């Protein structure tokens, strides 16, 4: 029986690279932590940071903010920007979403959790479908709702997930 020898060509190296990137995108980012500067706010639950890895678009874990075409969408984006734009934040990757964005917990320089602060201020919902055991966000949303803070101070708001489903 003849032994086949594999000869590495540029296609072989490219194939290995593609597979490695795919595996890293699916699993490799979870648990990663780093510090970065917030350089852009996309909407009330998505921001871009600049760090050692270049610019990364991040999705806040456990919260869902109104879409930009919804009532309170722009206010939510502005609130997020006022809290973190230009700040050096600590990022912990929790997951990777279907758009290949890192889903993250973000700590502000004073130690506060950015997602918690968005829910506390009535600028985002606790995303119970993604963070069902986050009792902190659950409690903060209840407080904001009963206190009629932020988006809870208006006529009944449609949740972002219901809004997206109708579109």
N, C-alpha and C. Protein backbone atom coordinates (compact mmCIF):
# COMPACT_ATOMS: atom_id res chain seq x y z
N UNK A 1 0.84 -1.17 0.00
CA UNK A 1 0.00 0.00 0.00
C UNK A 1 0.89 1.25 0.00
N UNK A 2 0.63 2.12 -0.91
CA UNK A 2 1.43 3.32 -1.07
C UNK A 2 1.03 4.37 -0.04
N UNK A 3 2.00 5.08 0.46
CA UNK A 3 1.74 6.16 1.42
C UNK A 3 1.60 7.46 0.64
N UNK A 4 0.49 8.17 0.93
CA UNK A 4 0.28 9.48 0.28
C UNK A 4 0.87 10.57 1.15
N UNK A 5 1.59 11.41 0.55
CA UNK A 5 2.14 12.55 1.27
C UNK A 5 1.37 13.79 0.86
N UNK A 6 1.03 14.57 1.85
CA UNK A 6 0.29 15.80 1.58
C UNK A 6 1.29 16.92 1.39
N UNK A 7 1.14 17.64 0.32
CA UNK A 7 2.01 18.78 0.04
C UNK A 7 1.23 20.07 0.31
N UNK A 8 1.74 20.86 1.22
CA UNK A 8 1.05 22.10 1.57
C UNK A 8 1.19 23.11 0.44
N UNK A 9 0.04 23.56 -0.04
CA UNK A 9 0.02 24.62 -1.04
C UNK A 9 -0.64 25.84 -0.40
N UNK A 10 -0.67 26.92 -1.11
CA UNK A 10 -1.33 28.11 -0.55
C UNK A 10 -2.81 27.84 -0.29
N UNK A 11 -3.44 26.97 -1.08
CA UNK A 11 -4.86 26.64 -0.85
C UNK A 11 -5.05 25.92 0.48
N UNK A 12 -4.11 25.07 0.81
CA UNK A 12 -4.18 24.35 2.08
C UNK A 12 -4.09 25.29 3.26
N UNK A 13 -3.17 26.24 3.17
CA UNK A 13 -3.02 27.22 4.24
C UNK A 13 -4.26 28.11 4.34
N UNK A 14 -4.81 28.49 3.22
CA UNK A 14 -6.02 29.32 3.23
C UNK A 14 -7.17 28.54 3.86
N UNK A 15 -7.32 27.28 3.50
CA UNK A 15 -8.41 26.46 4.06
C UNK A 15 -8.28 26.34 5.57
N UNK A 16 -7.06 26.09 6.06
CA UNK A 16 -6.84 26.00 7.50
C UNK A 16 -7.17 27.34 8.16
N UNK A 17 -6.80 28.44 7.54
CA UNK A 17 -7.09 29.76 8.09
C UNK A 17 -8.58 30.03 8.19
N UNK A 18 -9.31 29.67 7.14
CA UNK A 18 -10.77 29.86 7.13
C UNK A 18 -11.42 29.05 8.23
N UNK A 19 -11.03 27.80 8.37
CA UNK A 19 -11.59 26.94 9.41
C UNK A 19 -11.26 27.49 10.80
N UNK A 20 -10.05 27.94 10.99
CA UNK A 20 -9.65 28.50 12.29
C UNK A 20 -10.48 29.73 12.64
N UNK A 21 -10.67 30.63 11.70
CA UNK A 21 -11.47 31.83 11.94
C UNK A 21 -12.92 31.45 12.25
N UNK A 22 -13.47 30.50 11.54
CA UNK A 22 -14.86 30.06 11.78
C UNK A 22 -15.01 29.48 13.18
N UNK A 23 -14.06 28.67 13.60
CA UNK A 23 -14.12 28.09 14.94
C UNK A 23 -13.98 29.19 16.00
N UNK A 24 -13.06 30.12 15.79
CA UNK A 24 -12.88 31.22 16.75
C UNK A 24 -14.13 32.07 16.84
N UNK A 25 -14.76 32.34 15.70
CA UNK A 25 -15.98 33.15 15.71
C UNK A 25 -17.09 32.45 16.46
N UNK A 26 -17.17 31.14 16.34
CA UNK A 26 -18.24 30.39 16.99
C UNK A 26 -17.97 30.19 18.48
N UNK A 27 -16.72 29.94 18.85
CA UNK A 27 -16.44 29.56 20.23
C UNK A 27 -15.34 30.37 20.91
N UNK A 28 -14.39 30.85 20.15
CA UNK A 28 -13.17 31.38 20.72
C UNK A 28 -13.29 32.67 21.50
N UNK A 29 -14.29 33.49 21.25
CA UNK A 29 -14.36 34.79 21.90
C UNK A 29 -14.96 34.71 23.30
N UNK A 30 -15.75 33.68 23.59
CA UNK A 30 -16.40 33.59 24.90
C UNK A 30 -15.36 33.58 26.01
N UNK A 31 -15.61 34.40 27.03
CA UNK A 31 -14.69 34.48 28.16
C UNK A 31 -13.56 35.47 27.96
N UNK A 32 -13.41 35.99 26.76
CA UNK A 32 -12.37 36.97 26.47
C UNK A 32 -12.67 38.26 27.23
N UNK A 33 -11.64 38.90 27.76
CA UNK A 33 -11.81 40.20 28.42
C UNK A 33 -10.74 41.15 27.88
N UNK A 34 -11.09 42.41 27.80
CA UNK A 34 -10.15 43.42 27.35
C UNK A 34 -10.68 44.80 27.69
N UNK A 35 -9.80 45.78 27.65
CA UNK A 35 -10.17 47.18 27.84
C UNK A 35 -10.11 47.86 26.49
N UNK A 36 -11.05 48.78 26.25
CA UNK A 36 -11.11 49.48 24.98
C UNK A 36 -11.83 50.81 25.18
N UNK A 37 -11.67 51.71 24.22
CA UNK A 37 -12.31 53.02 24.25
C UNK A 37 -13.56 52.98 23.37
N UNK A 38 -14.67 53.49 23.89
CA UNK A 38 -15.91 53.55 23.11
C UNK A 38 -15.77 54.68 22.10
N UNK A 39 -15.87 54.33 20.80
CA UNK A 39 -15.66 55.32 19.74
C UNK A 39 -16.94 55.63 18.96
N UNK A 40 -17.96 54.80 19.14
CA UNK A 40 -19.21 55.03 18.40
C UNK A 40 -20.35 54.32 19.11
N UNK A 41 -21.53 54.93 19.07
CA UNK A 41 -22.74 54.30 19.59
C UNK A 41 -23.66 54.08 18.40
N UNK A 42 -24.01 52.83 18.16
CA UNK A 42 -24.85 52.47 17.01
C UNK A 42 -26.31 52.68 17.34
N UNK A 43 -26.74 52.15 18.48
CA UNK A 43 -28.11 52.33 18.97
C UNK A 43 -28.06 52.10 20.48
N UNK A 44 -29.20 51.90 21.10
CA UNK A 44 -29.26 51.80 22.55
C UNK A 44 -28.67 50.55 23.17
N UNK A 45 -28.30 49.57 22.36
CA UNK A 45 -27.68 48.36 22.92
C UNK A 45 -26.48 47.87 22.10
N UNK A 46 -25.99 48.71 21.21
CA UNK A 46 -24.85 48.34 20.36
C UNK A 46 -23.87 49.50 20.29
N UNK A 47 -22.58 49.19 20.49
CA UNK A 47 -21.56 50.22 20.45
C UNK A 47 -20.31 49.68 19.78
N UNK A 48 -19.44 50.59 19.40
CA UNK A 48 -18.16 50.21 18.80
C UNK A 48 -17.05 50.69 19.70
N UNK A 49 -16.04 49.84 19.86
CA UNK A 49 -14.89 50.18 20.68
C UNK A 49 -13.62 50.04 19.85
N UNK A 50 -12.59 50.78 20.28
CA UNK A 50 -11.28 50.71 19.65
C UNK A 50 -10.30 50.21 20.70
N UNK A 51 -9.62 49.14 20.35
CA UNK A 51 -8.64 48.57 21.27
C UNK A 51 -7.49 47.95 20.50
N UNK A 52 -6.80 47.04 21.16
CA UNK A 52 -5.66 46.36 20.54
C UNK A 52 -6.06 45.58 19.29
N UNK A 53 -7.32 45.14 19.22
CA UNK A 53 -7.79 44.34 18.09
C UNK A 53 -8.40 45.18 16.98
N UNK A 54 -8.29 46.50 17.08
CA UNK A 54 -8.91 47.38 16.11
C UNK A 54 -10.30 47.76 16.58
N UNK A 55 -11.15 48.19 15.66
CA UNK A 55 -12.52 48.57 16.02
C UNK A 55 -13.41 47.34 16.00
N UNK A 56 -14.16 47.16 17.09
CA UNK A 56 -15.08 46.04 17.22
C UNK A 56 -16.48 46.57 17.52
N UNK A 57 -17.49 45.98 16.89
CA UNK A 57 -18.88 46.32 17.20
C UNK A 57 -19.36 45.29 18.22
N UNK A 58 -19.91 45.79 19.33
CA UNK A 58 -20.32 44.96 20.45
C UNK A 58 -21.80 45.13 20.75
N UNK A 59 -22.45 44.07 21.14
CA UNK A 59 -23.86 44.08 21.53
C UNK A 59 -23.93 43.85 23.03
N UNK A 60 -24.64 44.71 23.76
CA UNK A 60 -24.76 44.54 25.21
C UNK A 60 -25.56 43.29 25.54
N UNK A 61 -25.04 42.52 26.49
CA UNK A 61 -25.69 41.29 26.93
C UNK A 61 -26.84 41.59 27.90
N UNK A 62 -27.95 40.90 27.72
CA UNK A 62 -29.04 40.96 28.68
C UNK A 62 -29.98 42.13 28.55
N UNK A 63 -29.78 42.99 27.55
CA UNK A 63 -30.67 44.13 27.36
C UNK A 63 -31.12 44.19 25.91
N UNK A 64 -32.27 44.82 25.71
CA UNK A 64 -32.79 45.06 24.36
C UNK A 64 -33.37 46.46 24.35
N UNK A 65 -32.77 47.33 23.58
CA UNK A 65 -33.20 48.73 23.52
C UNK A 65 -34.16 48.91 22.35
N UNK A 66 -34.98 49.96 22.40
CA UNK A 66 -35.88 50.24 21.27
C UNK A 66 -35.09 50.40 19.97
N UNK A 67 -35.69 49.95 18.88
CA UNK A 67 -35.07 50.12 17.57
C UNK A 67 -35.08 51.61 17.22
N UNK A 68 -34.21 52.01 16.32
CA UNK A 68 -34.08 53.42 15.99
C UNK A 68 -35.37 54.00 15.38
N UNK A 69 -36.20 53.17 14.75
CA UNK A 69 -37.44 53.69 14.18
C UNK A 69 -38.61 53.58 15.16
N UNK A 70 -38.34 53.23 16.41
CA UNK A 70 -39.36 53.15 17.44
C UNK A 70 -39.34 54.41 18.30
N UNK A 71 -40.45 54.65 18.99
CA UNK A 71 -40.48 55.69 20.00
C UNK A 71 -39.42 55.35 21.03
N UNK A 72 -38.65 56.34 21.45
CA UNK A 72 -37.59 56.25 22.45
C UNK A 72 -36.31 55.64 21.88
N UNK A 73 -36.27 55.28 20.61
CA UNK A 73 -35.05 54.72 20.01
C UNK A 73 -33.89 55.69 20.05
N UNK A 74 -34.12 56.93 19.61
CA UNK A 74 -33.04 57.92 19.60
C UNK A 74 -32.65 58.31 21.03
N UNK A 75 -33.62 58.43 21.91
CA UNK A 75 -33.31 58.77 23.31
C UNK A 75 -32.43 57.70 23.95
N UNK A 76 -32.71 56.44 23.62
CA UNK A 76 -31.93 55.33 24.15
C UNK A 76 -30.49 55.39 23.65
N UNK A 77 -30.32 55.68 22.37
CA UNK A 77 -28.98 55.80 21.79
C UNK A 77 -28.22 56.94 22.45
N UNK A 78 -28.88 58.08 22.64
CA UNK A 78 -28.24 59.24 23.27
C UNK A 78 -27.84 58.91 24.70
N UNK A 79 -28.73 58.24 25.43
CA UNK A 79 -28.43 57.87 26.83
C UNK A 79 -27.19 56.98 26.90
N UNK A 80 -27.10 56.00 26.00
CA UNK A 80 -25.93 55.12 25.99
C UNK A 80 -24.67 55.93 25.69
N UNK A 81 -24.75 56.82 24.74
CA UNK A 81 -23.60 57.66 24.39
C UNK A 81 -23.16 58.54 25.54
N UNK A 82 -24.11 59.13 26.26
CA UNK A 82 -23.77 59.99 27.39
C UNK A 82 -23.06 59.21 28.50
N UNK A 83 -23.40 57.93 28.63
CA UNK A 83 -22.79 57.12 29.68
C UNK A 83 -21.39 56.64 29.33
N UNK A 84 -21.13 56.39 28.03
CA UNK A 84 -19.89 55.67 27.74
C UNK A 84 -19.03 56.24 26.62
N UNK A 85 -19.53 57.14 25.78
CA UNK A 85 -18.73 57.59 24.64
C UNK A 85 -17.42 58.22 25.11
N UNK A 86 -16.32 57.77 24.53
CA UNK A 86 -15.01 58.30 24.87
C UNK A 86 -14.38 57.68 26.11
N UNK A 87 -15.12 56.85 26.80
CA UNK A 87 -14.62 56.22 28.02
C UNK A 87 -13.84 54.94 27.71
N UNK A 88 -12.88 54.64 28.55
CA UNK A 88 -12.19 53.35 28.48
C UNK A 88 -13.00 52.40 29.35
N UNK A 89 -13.52 51.36 28.74
CA UNK A 89 -14.40 50.42 29.43
C UNK A 89 -13.75 49.03 29.49
N UNK A 90 -14.22 48.22 30.42
CA UNK A 90 -13.76 46.83 30.52
C UNK A 90 -14.83 45.95 29.90
N UNK A 91 -14.43 45.11 28.97
CA UNK A 91 -15.36 44.28 28.20
C UNK A 91 -15.14 42.81 28.54
N UNK A 92 -16.24 42.10 28.79
CA UNK A 92 -16.21 40.65 28.98
C UNK A 92 -17.14 40.03 27.95
N UNK A 93 -16.61 39.18 27.09
CA UNK A 93 -17.41 38.55 26.05
C UNK A 93 -18.18 37.38 26.64
N UNK A 94 -19.51 37.39 26.44
CA UNK A 94 -20.39 36.35 26.95
C UNK A 94 -20.78 35.39 25.84
N UNK A 95 -20.97 35.91 24.63
CA UNK A 95 -21.47 35.10 23.53
C UNK A 95 -21.13 35.79 22.21
N UNK A 96 -21.49 35.14 21.11
CA UNK A 96 -21.39 35.73 19.78
C UNK A 96 -22.77 35.57 19.15
N UNK A 97 -23.33 36.67 18.60
CA UNK A 97 -24.68 36.59 18.05
C UNK A 97 -24.67 36.16 16.59
N UNK A 98 -25.84 36.08 16.00
CA UNK A 98 -25.96 35.59 14.62
C UNK A 98 -25.32 36.52 13.60
N UNK A 99 -25.07 37.77 14.00
CA UNK A 99 -24.39 38.71 13.11
C UNK A 99 -22.87 38.72 13.36
N UNK A 100 -22.41 37.76 14.17
CA UNK A 100 -20.99 37.60 14.52
C UNK A 100 -20.45 38.76 15.37
N UNK A 101 -21.37 39.48 16.03
CA UNK A 101 -20.94 40.50 16.98
C UNK A 101 -20.68 39.82 18.32
N UNK A 102 -19.71 40.32 19.04
CA UNK A 102 -19.50 39.83 20.40
C UNK A 102 -20.62 40.40 21.27
N UNK A 103 -21.27 39.53 22.04
CA UNK A 103 -22.29 39.94 23.00
C UNK A 103 -21.56 40.03 24.33
N UNK A 104 -21.64 41.22 24.96
CA UNK A 104 -20.71 41.53 26.04
C UNK A 104 -21.36 42.15 27.27
N UNK A 105 -20.67 41.99 28.39
CA UNK A 105 -20.93 42.78 29.58
C UNK A 105 -19.87 43.88 29.57
N UNK A 106 -20.29 45.11 29.80
CA UNK A 106 -19.37 46.25 29.77
C UNK A 106 -19.38 46.92 31.14
N UNK A 107 -18.19 47.10 31.68
CA UNK A 107 -18.02 47.81 32.95
C UNK A 107 -17.48 49.20 32.67
N UNK A 108 -18.17 50.19 33.21
CA UNK A 108 -17.72 51.58 33.11
C UNK A 108 -16.51 51.79 34.02
N UNK A 109 -15.78 52.88 33.85
CA UNK A 109 -14.59 53.11 34.69
C UNK A 109 -14.88 53.08 36.19
N UNK A 110 -16.10 53.45 36.59
CA UNK A 110 -16.44 53.43 38.03
C UNK A 110 -16.96 52.07 38.48
N UNK A 111 -16.96 51.06 37.59
CA UNK A 111 -17.35 49.70 37.97
C UNK A 111 -18.80 49.34 37.68
N UNK A 112 -19.62 50.32 37.31
CA UNK A 112 -21.02 50.02 37.03
C UNK A 112 -21.15 49.23 35.73
N UNK A 113 -22.16 48.35 35.68
CA UNK A 113 -22.47 47.56 34.48
C UNK A 113 -23.31 48.42 33.54
N UNK A 114 -22.85 48.60 32.31
CA UNK A 114 -23.52 49.47 31.35
C UNK A 114 -24.93 48.98 31.02
N UNK A 115 -25.12 47.68 30.87
CA UNK A 115 -26.45 47.14 30.60
C UNK A 115 -27.41 47.41 31.74
N UNK A 116 -26.93 47.21 32.98
CA UNK A 116 -27.77 47.50 34.15
C UNK A 116 -28.19 48.96 34.15
N UNK A 117 -27.26 49.85 33.83
CA UNK A 117 -27.56 51.28 33.85
C UNK A 117 -28.58 51.66 32.78
N UNK A 118 -28.53 51.00 31.63
CA UNK A 118 -29.53 51.26 30.58
C UNK A 118 -30.92 50.83 31.03
N UNK A 119 -31.01 49.69 31.71
CA UNK A 119 -32.31 49.22 32.21
C UNK A 119 -32.77 50.10 33.36
N UNK A 120 -31.88 50.45 34.29
CA UNK A 120 -32.21 51.31 35.44
C UNK A 120 -32.79 52.65 34.97
N UNK A 121 -32.23 53.21 33.90
CA UNK A 121 -32.66 54.50 33.40
C UNK A 121 -33.89 54.44 32.51
N UNK A 122 -34.46 53.25 32.35
CA UNK A 122 -35.65 53.11 31.50
C UNK A 122 -35.33 53.32 30.03
N UNK A 123 -34.10 52.99 29.63
CA UNK A 123 -33.67 53.17 28.24
C UNK A 123 -33.61 51.85 27.48
N UNK A 124 -33.82 50.74 28.18
CA UNK A 124 -33.77 49.42 27.56
C UNK A 124 -34.57 48.44 28.41
N UNK A 125 -34.99 47.38 27.77
CA UNK A 125 -35.67 46.28 28.46
C UNK A 125 -34.64 45.28 28.95
N UNK A 126 -34.97 44.56 30.03
CA UNK A 126 -34.22 43.37 30.41
C UNK A 126 -34.60 42.32 29.37
N UNK A 127 -33.64 41.74 28.69
CA UNK A 127 -33.89 40.75 27.64
C UNK A 127 -34.00 39.37 28.30
N UNK A 128 -35.18 39.09 28.84
CA UNK A 128 -35.38 37.85 29.60
C UNK A 128 -35.17 36.59 28.77
N UNK A 129 -35.36 36.69 27.46
CA UNK A 129 -35.17 35.51 26.61
C UNK A 129 -33.70 35.13 26.49
N UNK A 130 -32.80 36.09 26.68
CA UNK A 130 -31.36 35.82 26.58
C UNK A 130 -30.67 35.76 27.94
N UNK A 131 -31.23 36.42 28.93
CA UNK A 131 -30.64 36.46 30.27
C UNK A 131 -31.72 36.14 31.31
N UNK A 132 -32.32 34.93 31.23
CA UNK A 132 -33.47 34.63 32.08
C UNK A 132 -33.17 34.62 33.58
N UNK A 133 -31.92 34.44 33.96
CA UNK A 133 -31.59 34.35 35.38
C UNK A 133 -30.93 35.61 35.92
N UNK A 134 -30.97 36.69 35.15
CA UNK A 134 -30.38 37.94 35.61
C UNK A 134 -31.39 38.69 36.47
N UNK A 135 -31.39 38.37 37.75
CA UNK A 135 -32.35 38.98 38.67
C UNK A 135 -32.08 40.46 38.89
N UNK A 136 -30.84 40.90 38.68
CA UNK A 136 -30.52 42.33 38.84
C UNK A 136 -31.26 43.13 37.77
N UNK A 137 -31.10 42.74 36.50
CA UNK A 137 -31.78 43.47 35.42
C UNK A 137 -33.30 43.35 35.56
N UNK A 138 -33.77 42.20 35.97
CA UNK A 138 -35.21 42.01 36.18
C UNK A 138 -35.73 43.01 37.22
N UNK A 139 -35.02 43.12 38.34
CA UNK A 139 -35.42 44.06 39.39
C UNK A 139 -35.32 45.51 38.95
N UNK A 140 -34.25 45.83 38.21
CA UNK A 140 -34.08 47.21 37.73
C UNK A 140 -35.19 47.60 36.76
N UNK A 141 -35.61 46.66 35.91
CA UNK A 141 -36.69 46.97 34.98
C UNK A 141 -38.01 47.17 35.73
N UNK A 142 -38.26 46.36 36.73
CA UNK A 142 -39.47 46.52 37.54
C UNK A 142 -39.48 47.88 38.23
N UNK A 143 -38.32 48.29 38.78
CA UNK A 143 -38.23 49.60 39.43
C UNK A 143 -38.47 50.74 38.43
N UNK A 144 -37.86 50.65 37.25
CA UNK A 144 -38.03 51.69 36.23
C UNK A 144 -39.49 51.74 35.78
N UNK A 145 -40.09 50.59 35.62
CA UNK A 145 -41.48 50.52 35.15
C UNK A 145 -42.44 51.10 36.18
N UNK A 146 -42.30 50.68 37.43
CA UNK A 146 -43.21 51.19 38.47
C UNK A 146 -42.94 52.67 38.75
N UNK A 147 -41.69 53.12 38.58
CA UNK A 147 -41.36 54.52 38.78
C UNK A 147 -41.61 55.39 37.56
N UNK A 148 -42.09 54.76 36.49
CA UNK A 148 -42.36 55.47 35.23
C UNK A 148 -41.14 56.26 34.76
N UNK A 149 -40.00 55.57 34.74
CA UNK A 149 -38.73 56.19 34.34
C UNK A 149 -38.47 55.89 32.87
N UNK A 150 -37.99 56.91 32.14
CA UNK A 150 -37.60 56.72 30.75
C UNK A 150 -38.75 56.29 29.86
N UNK A 151 -38.54 55.22 29.12
CA UNK A 151 -39.57 54.78 28.17
C UNK A 151 -40.85 54.34 28.85
N UNK A 152 -40.81 54.07 30.14
CA UNK A 152 -42.01 53.67 30.89
C UNK A 152 -42.86 54.88 31.25
N UNK A 153 -42.39 56.09 30.96
CA UNK A 153 -43.14 57.31 31.27
C UNK A 153 -44.06 57.72 30.12
N UNK A 154 -44.14 56.91 29.11
CA UNK A 154 -44.96 57.21 27.93
C UNK A 154 -46.12 56.22 27.87
N UNK A 155 -47.03 56.42 26.92
CA UNK A 155 -48.06 55.40 26.73
C UNK A 155 -47.40 54.05 26.49
N UNK A 156 -48.13 52.97 26.67
CA UNK A 156 -47.52 51.64 26.59
C UNK A 156 -46.56 51.49 25.41
N UNK A 157 -45.36 51.05 25.73
CA UNK A 157 -44.32 50.88 24.73
C UNK A 157 -44.34 49.45 24.18
N UNK A 158 -44.07 49.35 22.91
CA UNK A 158 -43.95 48.03 22.30
C UNK A 158 -42.51 47.56 22.48
N UNK A 159 -42.35 46.33 22.89
CA UNK A 159 -41.00 45.80 23.07
C UNK A 159 -40.29 45.73 21.72
N UNK A 160 -38.97 45.85 21.73
CA UNK A 160 -38.22 45.78 20.48
C UNK A 160 -38.41 44.46 19.75
N UNK A 161 -38.49 43.35 20.50
CA UNK A 161 -38.66 42.05 19.85
C UNK A 161 -40.02 41.93 19.17
N UNK A 162 -41.07 42.53 19.75
CA UNK A 162 -42.39 42.54 19.09
C UNK A 162 -42.34 43.43 17.85
N UNK A 163 -41.68 44.55 17.96
CA UNK A 163 -41.53 45.48 16.84
C UNK A 163 -40.80 44.81 15.67
N UNK A 164 -39.71 44.11 15.96
CA UNK A 164 -38.95 43.43 14.91
C UNK A 164 -39.78 42.32 14.25
N UNK A 165 -40.58 41.63 15.05
CA UNK A 165 -41.42 40.55 14.52
C UNK A 165 -42.47 41.09 13.55
N UNK A 166 -43.00 42.30 13.83
CA UNK A 166 -44.02 42.90 12.97
C UNK A 166 -43.44 43.45 11.67
N UNK A 167 -42.15 43.81 11.67
CA UNK A 167 -41.55 44.41 10.48
C UNK A 167 -41.43 43.42 9.37
